[in-house]
Amino acid sequence: MNKDGTIIIIEDDKDDQFVLEEVFGELGYPNKRMYFSSGLKALDFLYSTSDRPFLIISDINLPELNGLELRSKIQQDADLNLKCIPYIYFTTALNQQVVIDAYSTSAQGFFVKPGTYEEIKEAIDVMIKYWKKCAAPNNF
């Protein structure tokens, strides 16, 4: 895990992307952010870059390749898996089966998108602070 790396955000809703960018700006984390509107576009980027992103924050309901399918493809690719990129779901999709499916892909977190700006800001802050403090096999 590269704690100074890019935060990959996979979110197809432009309004949600705008809110997330505002939140990151207010929180002041220096990590570059890249937004992708589909799981397939994010996967193409991950295959093509030599960079080691810091985090992947992904919606579940996405066009072309949903968040669960994307996570599975990352796990199945030895090179991507070795990058040790934490994969966190941030979604409005909430039912017991979705949560079970998310954790069956070895997700490192599942957050339900809250309704208010301040709650979104708090959730993002919790995610980033937690992973900034975590150790990973490839950051020694």
C-alpha atoms as a PDB file:
ATOM      1  CA  MET A   1       0.000   0.000   0.000  1.00  0.00           C
ATOM      2  CA  ASN A   2       1.311   3.377  -1.019  1.00  0.00           C
ATOM      3  CA  LYS A   3      -0.061   5.853   1.535  1.00  0.00           C
ATOM      4  CA  ASP A   4       0.898   8.771  -0.694  1.00  0.00           C
ATOM      5  CA  GLY A   5      -0.659   7.154  -3.763  1.00  0.00           C
ATOM      6  CA  THR A   6      -3.729   8.061  -5.714  1.00  0.00           C
ATOM      7  CA  ILE A   7      -7.182   7.403  -4.317  1.00  0.00           C
ATOM      8  CA  ILE A   8      -9.242   5.665  -6.989  1.00  0.00           C
ATOM      9  CA  ILE A   9     -12.943   6.515  -6.705  1.00  0.00           C
ATOM     10  CA  ILE A  10     -15.375   4.522  -8.807  1.00  0.00           C
ATOM     11  CA  GLU A  11     -18.678   6.334  -8.858  1.00  0.00           C
ATOM     12  CA  ASP A  12     -20.981   6.780 -11.841  1.00  0.00           C
ATOM     13  CA  ASP A  13     -23.080   9.587 -10.351  1.00  0.00           C
ATOM     14  CA  LYS A  14     -21.564  12.972 -11.269  1.00  0.00           C
ATOM     15  CA  ASP A  15     -23.286  14.693  -8.320  1.00  0.00           C
ATOM     16  CA  ASP A  16     -21.744  12.178  -5.915  1.00  0.00           C
ATOM     17  CA  GLN A  17     -18.346  12.690  -7.550  1.00  0.00           C
ATOM     18  CA  PHE A  18     -18.698  16.440  -7.034  1.00  0.00           C
ATOM     19  CA  VAL A  19     -19.651  15.995  -3.353  1.00  0.00           C
ATOM     20  CA  LEU A  20     -16.755  13.602  -2.759  1.00  0.00           C
ATOM     21  CA  GLU A  21     -14.283  16.011  -4.324  1.00  0.00           C
ATOM     22  CA  GLU A  22     -15.612  18.823  -2.115  1.00  0.00           C
ATOM     23  CA  VAL A  23     -15.230  16.572   0.933  1.00  0.00           C
ATOM     24  CA  PHE A  24     -11.649  15.631   0.055  1.00  0.00           C
ATOM     25  CA  GLY A  25     -10.844  19.295  -0.507  1.00  0.00           C
ATOM     26  CA  GLU A  26     -12.181  20.246   2.912  1.00  0.00           C
ATOM     27  CA  LEU A  27     -10.414  17.366   4.646  1.00  0.00           C
ATOM     28  CA  GLY A  28      -7.107  18.428   3.101  1.00  0.00           C
ATOM     29  CA  TYR A  29      -5.663  15.015   2.262  1.00  0.00           C
ATOM     30  CA  PRO A  30      -2.888  15.547  -0.281  1.00  0.00           C
ATOM     31  CA  ASN A  31      -3.498  12.316  -2.207  1.00  0.00           C
ATOM     32  CA  LYS A  32      -4.404  12.781  -5.856  1.00  0.00           C
ATOM     33  CA  ARG A  33      -7.894  11.509  -6.672  1.00  0.00           C
ATOM     34  CA  MET A  34      -9.001   9.848  -9.877  1.00  0.00           C
ATOM     35  CA  TYR A  35     -12.657   9.264 -10.661  1.00  0.00           C
ATOM     36  CA  PHE A  36     -14.010   6.521 -12.879  1.00  0.00           C
ATOM     37  CA  SER A  37     -17.626   6.153 -13.940  1.00  0.00           C
ATOM     38  CA  SER A  38     -17.472   2.387 -14.441  1.00  0.00           C
ATOM     39  CA  GLY A  39     -15.668  -0.609 -13.052  1.00  0.00           C
ATOM     40  CA  LEU A  40     -14.344  -1.434 -16.519  1.00  0.00           C
ATOM     41  CA  LYS A  41     -12.699   1.990 -16.914  1.00  0.00           C
ATOM     42  CA  ALA A  42     -11.088   1.643 -13.481  1.00  0.00           C
ATOM     43  CA  LEU A  43      -9.847  -1.864 -14.302  1.00  0.00           C
ATOM     44  CA  ASP A  44      -8.345  -0.645 -17.589  1.00  0.00           C
ATOM     45  CA  PHE A  45      -6.496   2.061 -15.679  1.00  0.00           C
ATOM     46  CA  LEU A  46      -5.241  -0.389 -13.028  1.00  0.00           C
ATOM     47  CA  TYR A  47      -3.959  -2.738 -15.750  1.00  0.00           C
ATOM     48  CA  SER A  48      -2.181   0.092 -17.568  1.00  0.00           C
ATOM     49  CA  THR A  49      -0.487   1.937 -14.701  1.00  0.00           C
ATOM     50  CA  SER A  50       2.679   1.075 -12.837  1.00  0.00           C
ATOM     51  CA  ASP A  51       1.546   3.324  -9.978  1.00  0.00           C
ATOM     52  CA  ARG A  52       0.450   1.832  -6.668  1.00  0.00           C
ATOM     53  CA  PRO A  53      -2.751   3.562  -5.647  1.00  0.00           C
ATOM     54  CA  PHE A  54      -3.470   4.137  -1.963  1.00  0.00           C
ATOM     55  CA  LEU A  55      -7.150   3.111  -1.879  1.00  0.00           C
ATOM     56  CA  ILE A  56     -10.018   2.096  -4.073  1.00  0.00           C
ATOM     57  CA  ILE A  57     -13.380   3.481  -2.980  1.00  0.00           C
ATOM     58  CA  SER A  58     -16.076   1.852  -5.069  1.00  0.00           C
ATOM     59  CA  ASP A  59     -19.792   1.957  -5.509  1.00  0.00           C
ATOM     60  CA  ILE A  60     -21.415  -1.437  -6.127  1.00  0.00           C
ATOM     61  CA  ASN A  61     -23.996  -0.477  -8.740  1.00  0.00           C
ATOM     62  CA  LEU A  62     -21.863   0.489 -11.721  1.00  0.00           C
ATOM     63  CA  PRO A  63     -22.229   0.165 -15.488  1.00  0.00           C
ATOM     64  CA  GLU A  64     -20.217  -2.355 -17.537  1.00  0.00           C
ATOM     65  CA  LEU A  65     -18.560  -4.029 -14.536  1.00  0.00           C
ATOM     66  CA  ASN A  66     -20.073  -3.618 -11.088  1.00  0.00           C
ATOM     67  CA  GLY A  67     -18.060  -3.119  -7.925  1.00  0.00           C
ATOM     68  CA  LEU A  68     -18.279  -6.777  -6.869  1.00  0.00           C
ATOM     69  CA  GLU A  69     -17.100  -7.993 -10.278  1.00  0.00           C
ATOM     70  CA  LEU A  70     -14.280  -5.443 -10.294  1.00  0.00           C
ATOM     71  CA  ARG A  71     -13.059  -6.557  -6.880  1.00  0.00           C
ATOM     72  CA  SER A  72     -13.054 -10.191  -8.022  1.00  0.00           C
ATOM     73  CA  LYS A  73     -11.029  -9.337 -11.142  1.00  0.00           C
ATOM     74  CA  ILE A  74      -8.458  -7.460  -9.050  1.00  0.00           C
ATOM     75  CA  GLN A  75      -8.138 -10.442  -6.718  1.00  0.00           C
ATOM     76  CA  GLN A  76      -7.655 -12.834  -9.628  1.00  0.00           C
ATOM     77  CA  ASP A  77      -4.812 -10.797 -11.139  1.00  0.00           C
ATOM     78  CA  ALA A  78      -1.549 -11.609  -9.361  1.00  0.00           C
ATOM     79  CA  ASP A  79       0.129  -8.274 -10.212  1.00  0.00           C
ATOM     80  CA  LEU A  80      -2.835  -6.181  -9.079  1.00  0.00           C
ATOM     81  CA  ASN A  81      -3.316  -8.286  -5.966  1.00  0.00           C
ATOM     82  CA  LEU A  82       0.321  -7.788  -4.948  1.00  0.00           C
ATOM     83  CA  LYS A  83      -0.154  -4.017  -4.950  1.00  0.00           C
ATOM     84  CA  CYS A  84      -2.180  -4.506  -1.730  1.00  0.00           C
ATOM     85  CA  ILE A  85      -4.686  -1.766  -2.575  1.00  0.00           C
ATOM     86  CA  PRO A  86      -7.419  -1.636   0.068  1.00  0.00           C
ATOM     87  CA  TYR A  87     -10.835  -1.994  -1.549  1.00  0.00           C
ATOM     88  CA  ILE A  88     -13.672  -0.193   0.215  1.00  0.00           C
ATOM     89  CA  TYR A  89     -17.289  -0.222  -0.850  1.00  0.00           C
ATOM     90  CA  PHE A  90     -19.128   3.096  -0.482  1.00  0.00           C
ATOM     91  CA  THR A  91     -22.634   2.558  -1.738  1.00  0.00           C
ATOM     92  CA  THR A  92     -26.337   3.069  -1.265  1.00  0.00           C
ATOM     93  CA  ALA A  93     -26.919  -0.612  -2.057  1.00  0.00           C
ATOM     94  CA  LEU A  94     -27.759  -2.171   1.271  1.00  0.00           C
ATOM     95  CA  ASN A  95     -29.271  -5.495   2.023  1.00  0.00           C
ATOM     96  CA  GLN A  96     -27.867  -8.515   3.781  1.00  0.00           C
ATOM     97  CA  GLN A  97     -26.984 -10.348   0.568  1.00  0.00           C
ATOM     98  CA  VAL A  98     -25.059  -7.377  -0.857  1.00  0.00           C
ATOM     99  CA  VAL A  99     -23.012  -7.096   2.339  1.00  0.00           C
ATOM    100  CA  ILE A 100     -22.328 -10.854   2.312  1.00  0.00           C
ATOM    101  CA  ASP A 101     -21.309 -10.669  -1.355  1.00  0.00           C
ATOM    102  CA  ALA A 102     -19.036  -7.688  -0.677  1.00  0.00           C
ATOM    103  CA  TYR A 103     -17.188  -9.388   2.144  1.00  0.00           C
ATOM    104  CA  SER A 104     -16.966 -12.632   0.170  1.00  0.00           C
ATOM    105  CA  THR A 105     -14.709 -10.667  -2.207  1.00  0.00           C
ATOM    106  CA  SER A 106     -12.434  -9.893   0.761  1.00  0.00           C
ATOM    107  CA  ALA A 107     -13.362  -6.236   0.813  1.00  0.00           C
ATOM    108  CA  GLN A 108     -11.616  -4.214   3.491  1.00  0.00           C
ATOM    109  CA  GLY A 109     -14.691  -2.153   4.265  1.00  0.00           C
ATOM    110  CA  PHE A 110     -18.331  -1.563   3.490  1.00  0.00           C
ATOM    111  CA  PHE A 111     -19.784   1.870   4.126  1.00  0.00           C
ATOM    112  CA  VAL A 112     -23.329   2.942   3.357  1.00  0.00           C
ATOM    113  CA  LYS A 113     -23.437   6.402   1.810  1.00  0.00           C
ATOM    114  CA  PRO A 114     -25.010   8.644   4.410  1.00  0.00           C
ATOM    115  CA  GLY A 115     -27.614  11.247   3.621  1.00  0.00           C
ATOM    116  CA  THR A 116     -25.890  14.449   4.699  1.00  0.00           C
ATOM    117  CA  TYR A 117     -22.733  16.192   3.595  1.00  0.00           C
ATOM    118  CA  GLU A 118     -21.290  16.170   7.119  1.00  0.00           C
ATOM    119  CA  GLU A 119     -21.906  12.424   7.479  1.00  0.00           C
ATOM    120  CA  ILE A 120     -20.224  11.762   4.123  1.00  0.00           C
ATOM    121  CA  LYS A 121     -17.278  13.868   5.250  1.00  0.00           C
ATOM    122  CA  GLU A 122     -17.055  11.928   8.516  1.00  0.00           C
ATOM    123  CA  ALA A 123     -17.192   8.563   6.707  1.00  0.00           C
ATOM    124  CA  ILE A 124     -14.430   9.540   4.258  1.00  0.00           C
ATOM    125  CA  ASP A 125     -12.293  10.901   7.087  1.00  0.00           C
ATOM    126  CA  VAL A 126     -12.658   7.627   9.017  1.00  0.00           C
ATOM    127  CA  MET A 127     -11.650   5.607   5.937  1.00  0.00           C
ATOM    128  CA  ILE A 128      -8.582   7.688   5.162  1.00  0.00           C
ATOM    129  CA  LYS A 129      -7.353   7.983   8.759  1.00  0.00           C
ATOM    130  CA  TYR A 130      -7.697   4.245   9.281  1.00  0.00           C
ATOM    131  CA  TRP A 131      -5.736   3.290   6.171  1.00  0.00           C
ATOM    132  CA  LYS A 132      -3.089   5.957   6.759  1.00  0.00           C
ATOM    133  CA  LYS A 133      -2.327   4.224  10.086  1.00  0.00           C
ATOM    134  CA  CYS A 134      -2.467   0.626   8.797  1.00  0.00           C
ATOM    135  CA  ALA A 135       0.585  -1.412   7.899  1.00  0.00           C
ATOM    136  CA  ALA A 136       0.672  -3.526   4.765  1.00  0.00           C
ATOM    137  CA  PRO A 137       3.179  -6.151   3.614  1.00  0.00           C
ATOM    138  CA  ASN A 138       4.574  -3.885   0.920  1.00  0.00           C
ATOM    139  CA  ASN A 139       5.061  -0.623   2.851  1.00  0.00           C
ATOM    140  CA  PHE A 140       8.041  -1.469   5.007  1.00  0.00           C
END
